[in-house]
C-alpha atoms as a PDB file:
ATOM      1  CA  MET A   1      15.540  38.933  29.513  1.00  0.00           C
ATOM      2  CA  THR A   2      11.977  40.021  29.112  1.00  0.00           C
ATOM      3  CA  ILE A   3      10.617  41.348  25.484  1.00  0.00           C
ATOM      4  CA  ARG A   4      10.108  44.591  27.189  1.00  0.00           C
ATOM      5  CA  SER A   5      13.586  44.827  28.388  1.00  0.00           C
ATOM      6  CA  PHE A   6      14.782  43.501  24.851  1.00  0.00           C
ATOM      7  CA  MET A   7      12.992  46.323  23.274  1.00  0.00           C
ATOM      8  CA  LYS A   8      14.299  49.039  25.559  1.00  0.00           C
ATOM      9  CA  GLN A   9      17.757  47.780  24.787  1.00  0.00           C
ATOM     10  CA  TYR A  10      17.559  47.183  21.182  1.00  0.00           C
ATOM     11  CA  GLY A  11      14.403  49.106  19.861  1.00  0.00           C
ATOM     12  CA  ILE A  12      16.693  51.467  17.832  1.00  0.00           C
ATOM     13  CA  TYR A  13      18.279  48.586  16.147  1.00  0.00           C
ATOM     14  CA  MET A  14      14.830  47.020  15.132  1.00  0.00           C
ATOM     15  CA  ALA A  15      13.501  50.453  13.938  1.00  0.00           C
ATOM     16  CA  TRP A  16      16.764  50.646  11.766  1.00  0.00           C
ATOM     17  CA  LEU A  17      16.040  47.179  10.605  1.00  0.00           C
ATOM     18  CA  VAL A  18      12.546  48.107   9.631  1.00  0.00           C
ATOM     19  CA  SER A  19      13.439  51.178   7.823  1.00  0.00           C
ATOM     20  CA  ILE A  20      16.133  49.127   5.915  1.00  0.00           C
ATOM     21  CA  LEU A  21      13.445  46.512   4.847  1.00  0.00           C
ATOM     22  CA  ALA A  22      10.973  49.407   3.914  1.00  0.00           C
ATOM     23  CA  VAL A  23      13.377  51.062   1.659  1.00  0.00           C
ATOM     24  CA  SER A  24      14.554  47.923   0.046  1.00  0.00           C
ATOM     25  CA  GLY A  25      10.945  46.845  -0.441  1.00  0.00           C
ATOM     26  CA  SER A  26      10.191  50.111  -2.327  1.00  0.00           C
ATOM     27  CA  LEU A  27      13.386  49.997  -4.282  1.00  0.00           C
ATOM     28  CA  TYR A  28      12.429  46.622  -5.147  1.00  0.00           C
ATOM     29  CA  LEU A  29       9.036  47.410  -6.359  1.00  0.00           C
ATOM     30  CA  SER A  30      10.130  50.510  -8.353  1.00  0.00           C
ATOM     31  CA  GLU A  31      13.421  49.275  -9.668  1.00  0.00           C
ATOM     32  CA  VAL A  32      12.888  45.290 -10.369  1.00  0.00           C
ATOM     33  CA  LEU A  33       9.277  45.019 -10.806  1.00  0.00           C
ATOM     34  CA  ARG A  34       8.935  48.586 -12.452  1.00  0.00           C
ATOM     35  CA  PHE A  35       5.813  49.850 -10.392  1.00  0.00           C
ATOM     36  CA  MET A  36       5.687  53.679 -11.013  1.00  0.00           C
ATOM     37  CA  PRO A  37       5.381  55.335  -7.528  1.00  0.00           C
ATOM     38  CA  CYS A  38       2.574  57.990  -7.341  1.00  0.00           C
ATOM     39  CA  LYS A  39       2.739  61.553  -5.887  1.00  0.00           C
ATOM     40  CA  LEU A  40       1.812  59.997  -2.522  1.00  0.00           C
ATOM     41  CA  CYS A  41       4.484  57.354  -2.464  1.00  0.00           C
ATOM     42  CA  TRP A  42       7.052  59.922  -3.307  1.00  0.00           C
ATOM     43  CA  PHE A  43       6.169  61.740  -0.072  1.00  0.00           C
ATOM     44  CA  GLN A  44       6.433  58.715   1.839  1.00  0.00           C
ATOM     45  CA  ARG A  45       9.769  57.735   0.542  1.00  0.00           C
ATOM     46  CA  ILE A  46      10.994  61.339   1.692  1.00  0.00           C
ATOM     47  CA  PHE A  47      10.056  60.439   5.146  1.00  0.00           C
ATOM     48  CA  MET A  48      11.517  57.014   5.039  1.00  0.00           C
ATOM     49  CA  TYR A  49      14.598  57.132   3.340  1.00  0.00           C
ATOM     50  CA  PRO A  50      16.669  59.532   5.440  1.00  0.00           C
ATOM     51  CA  GLN A  51      15.627  57.221   8.521  1.00  0.00           C
ATOM     52  CA  VAL A  52      17.863  54.526   6.934  1.00  0.00           C
ATOM     53  CA  ILE A  53      20.997  56.851   7.164  1.00  0.00           C
ATOM     54  CA  LEU A  54      20.024  58.504  10.312  1.00  0.00           C
ATOM     55  CA  LEU A  55      19.274  55.432  12.410  1.00  0.00           C
ATOM     56  CA  GLY A  56      22.420  53.571  10.842  1.00  0.00           C
ATOM     57  CA  ILE A  57      24.616  56.220  12.335  1.00  0.00           C
ATOM     58  CA  ALA A  58      22.595  56.349  15.757  1.00  0.00           C
ATOM     59  CA  CYS A  59      23.086  52.551  16.100  1.00  0.00           C
ATOM     60  CA  TYR A  60      26.682  52.704  14.921  1.00  0.00           C
ATOM     61  CA  LYS A  61      27.306  55.156  17.924  1.00  0.00           C
ATOM     62  CA  ASN A  62      24.828  53.798  19.990  1.00  0.00           C
ATOM     63  CA  ASP A  63      23.351  57.333  20.310  1.00  0.00           C
ATOM     64  CA  ARG A  64      19.671  57.341  21.167  1.00  0.00           C
ATOM     65  CA  ARG A  65      19.449  61.144  21.212  1.00  0.00           C
ATOM     66  CA  ILE A  66      18.517  61.227  17.614  1.00  0.00           C
ATOM     67  CA  ILE A  67      15.109  59.569  18.534  1.00  0.00           C
ATOM     68  CA  PRO A  68      13.322  62.870  19.069  1.00  0.00           C
ATOM     69  CA  TYR A  69      14.359  64.072  15.504  1.00  0.00           C
ATOM     70  CA  ILE A  70      13.446  60.811  13.747  1.00  0.00           C
ATOM     71  CA  LEU A  71      10.011  60.301  15.697  1.00  0.00           C
ATOM     72  CA  PRO A  72       8.303  63.324  13.679  1.00  0.00           C
ATOM     73  CA  LEU A  73       9.466  61.808  10.335  1.00  0.00           C
ATOM     74  CA  SER A  74       7.838  58.603  11.105  1.00  0.00           C
ATOM     75  CA  VAL A  75       4.780  60.419  12.298  1.00  0.00           C
ATOM     76  CA  ILE A  76       4.203  62.573   9.415  1.00  0.00           C
ATOM     77  CA  GLY A  77       5.103  59.530   6.995  1.00  0.00           C
ATOM     78  CA  GLY A  78       2.550  57.609   8.894  1.00  0.00           C
ATOM     79  CA  LEU A  79       0.030  60.036   8.428  1.00  0.00           C
ATOM     80  CA  ILE A  80       0.713  60.339   4.554  1.00  0.00           C
ATOM     81  CA  SER A  81       0.434  56.467   4.347  1.00  0.00           C
ATOM     82  CA  LEU A  82      -2.855  56.434   6.307  1.00  0.00           C
ATOM     83  CA  TYR A  83      -4.361  58.918   3.922  1.00  0.00           C
ATOM     84  CA  HIS A  84      -2.992  57.010   0.777  1.00  0.00           C
ATOM     85  CA  TYR A  85      -4.342  53.740   2.311  1.00  0.00           C
ATOM     86  CA  SER A  86      -7.632  55.571   3.110  1.00  0.00           C
ATOM     87  CA  GLU A  87      -7.850  56.849  -0.616  1.00  0.00           C
ATOM     88  CA  GLN A  88      -7.314  53.324  -1.945  1.00  0.00           C
ATOM     89  CA  LYS A  89     -10.100  51.892  -0.019  1.00  0.00           C
ATOM     90  CA  ILE A  90     -12.676  54.697   0.130  1.00  0.00           C
ATOM     91  CA  PRO A  91     -13.337  55.582  -3.373  1.00  0.00           C
ATOM     92  CA  LEU A  92     -14.813  59.154  -2.471  1.00  0.00           C
ATOM     93  CA  LEU A  93     -11.354  60.234  -1.326  1.00  0.00           C
ATOM     94  CA  ALA A  94      -9.770  60.073  -4.724  1.00  0.00           C
ATOM     95  CA  LYS A  95     -12.041  62.572  -5.804  1.00  0.00           C
ATOM     96  CA  VAL A  96     -11.304  65.021  -2.997  1.00  0.00           C
ATOM     97  CA  LEU A  97      -7.695  65.537  -3.895  1.00  0.00           C
ATOM     98  CA  PRO A  98      -6.922  63.516  -7.116  1.00  0.00           C
ATOM     99  CA  CYS A  99      -3.267  62.814  -8.531  1.00  0.00           C
ATOM    100  CA  THR A 100      -3.012  65.266 -11.315  1.00  0.00           C
ATOM    101  CA  MET A 101       0.165  63.846 -12.651  1.00  0.00           C
ATOM    102  CA  GLY A 102       1.410  60.223 -13.271  1.00  0.00           C
ATOM    103  CA  ILE A 103       0.220  57.097 -11.689  1.00  0.00           C
ATOM    104  CA  PRO A 104      -3.285  57.767  -9.701  1.00  0.00           C
ATOM    105  CA  CYS A 105      -2.713  57.441  -6.181  1.00  0.00           C
ATOM    106  CA  ASN A 106      -5.733  54.929  -5.833  1.00  0.00           C
ATOM    107  CA  LYS A 107      -4.088  52.426  -8.035  1.00  0.00           C
ATOM    108  CA  ASP A 108      -3.352  49.035  -6.354  1.00  0.00           C
ATOM    109  CA  TYR A 109      -0.329  47.221  -7.849  1.00  0.00           C
ATOM    110  CA  ILE A 110      -0.471  44.697  -4.986  1.00  0.00           C
ATOM    111  CA  ASN A 111      -3.808  43.787  -3.061  1.00  0.00           C
ATOM    112  CA  TRP A 112      -2.968  40.802  -1.037  1.00  0.00           C
ATOM    113  CA  PHE A 113      -5.718  39.274   1.084  1.00  0.00           C
ATOM    114  CA  GLY A 114      -7.984  42.146   0.202  1.00  0.00           C
ATOM    115  CA  PHE A 115      -6.445  44.652   2.305  1.00  0.00           C
ATOM    116  CA  ILE A 116      -2.434  44.650   2.129  1.00  0.00           C
ATOM    117  CA  THR A 117      -1.299  47.226  -0.536  1.00  0.00           C
ATOM    118  CA  ILE A 118       1.924  49.150  -0.751  1.00  0.00           C
ATOM    119  CA  PRO A 119       0.604  52.250   1.509  1.00  0.00           C
ATOM    120  CA  PHE A 120      -0.461  49.735   3.988  1.00  0.00           C
ATOM    121  CA  LEU A 121       2.976  48.295   4.317  1.00  0.00           C
ATOM    122  CA  ALA A 122       4.514  51.795   4.397  1.00  0.00           C
ATOM    123  CA  LEU A 123       2.153  52.339   7.241  1.00  0.00           C
ATOM    124  CA  VAL A 124       3.045  49.321   9.166  1.00  0.00           C
ATOM    125  CA  ALA A 125       6.774  50.212   8.793  1.00  0.00           C
ATOM    126  CA  PHE A 126       6.237  53.856  10.136  1.00  0.00           C
ATOM    127  CA  ILE A 127       4.031  52.404  13.031  1.00  0.00           C
ATOM    128  CA  LEU A 128       6.723  49.780  13.896  1.00  0.00           C
ATOM    129  CA  ILE A 129       9.578  52.400  13.741  1.00  0.00           C
ATOM    130  CA  ILE A 130       7.432  54.619  16.015  1.00  0.00           C
ATOM    131  CA  VAL A 131       6.811  51.861  18.630  1.00  0.00           C
ATOM    132  CA  PHE A 132      10.526  50.685  18.645  1.00  0.00           C
ATOM    133  CA  LEU A 133      11.905  54.045  18.950  1.00  0.00           C
ATOM    134  CA  SER A 134       9.297  55.043  21.663  1.00  0.00           C
ATOM    135  CA  LEU A 135      10.172  51.770  23.653  1.00  0.00           C
ATOM    136  CA  SER A 136      13.822  52.601  23.076  1.00  0.00           C
ATOM    137  CA  LYS A 137      13.412  56.123  24.199  1.00  0.00           C
ATOM    138  CA  GLU A 138      11.970  55.217  27.524  1.00  0.00           C
ATOM    139  CA  ASP A 139      15.416  53.661  28.204  1.00  0.00           C
ATOM    140  CA  SER A 140      17.485  56.708  27.239  1.00  0.00           C
ATOM    141  CA  GLU A 141      15.411  58.869  29.566  1.00  0.00           C
ATOM    142  CA  THR A 142      15.922  56.710  32.460  1.00  0.00           C
ATOM    143  CA  GLN A 143      19.565  56.613  31.906  1.00  0.00           C
ATOM    144  CA  GLU A 144      20.011  60.558  31.908  1.00  0.00           C
END
């Protein structure tokens, strides 16, 4: 079995695993480490959290017809993560649309290796879900 055929067959399960890890990580950061989420973090959560439930049901039923409905959640969430990450790394962006309540959106709780921050991790999760579902979608289109 090649990697490509593996991803076609199990991409939806891999996407579900990524969503579980992303949600678990965000809950760990906020509830255990007590990192307060900013406004943009909340928007990213809004687009990630439903995916755990929807992809879980789709995996249980082995139903790939959910993919067109999940992909927009990941694309929009990924765009928010990209903007959030850019705001952290480009100081001028923080002045364009500043967070007016709570934690500033350009605050770095973690900064591993000088580039890995919480929005970066969210962006990677959204991108992985998009890739896994896109590869799995090809499989469902050939079966119809």
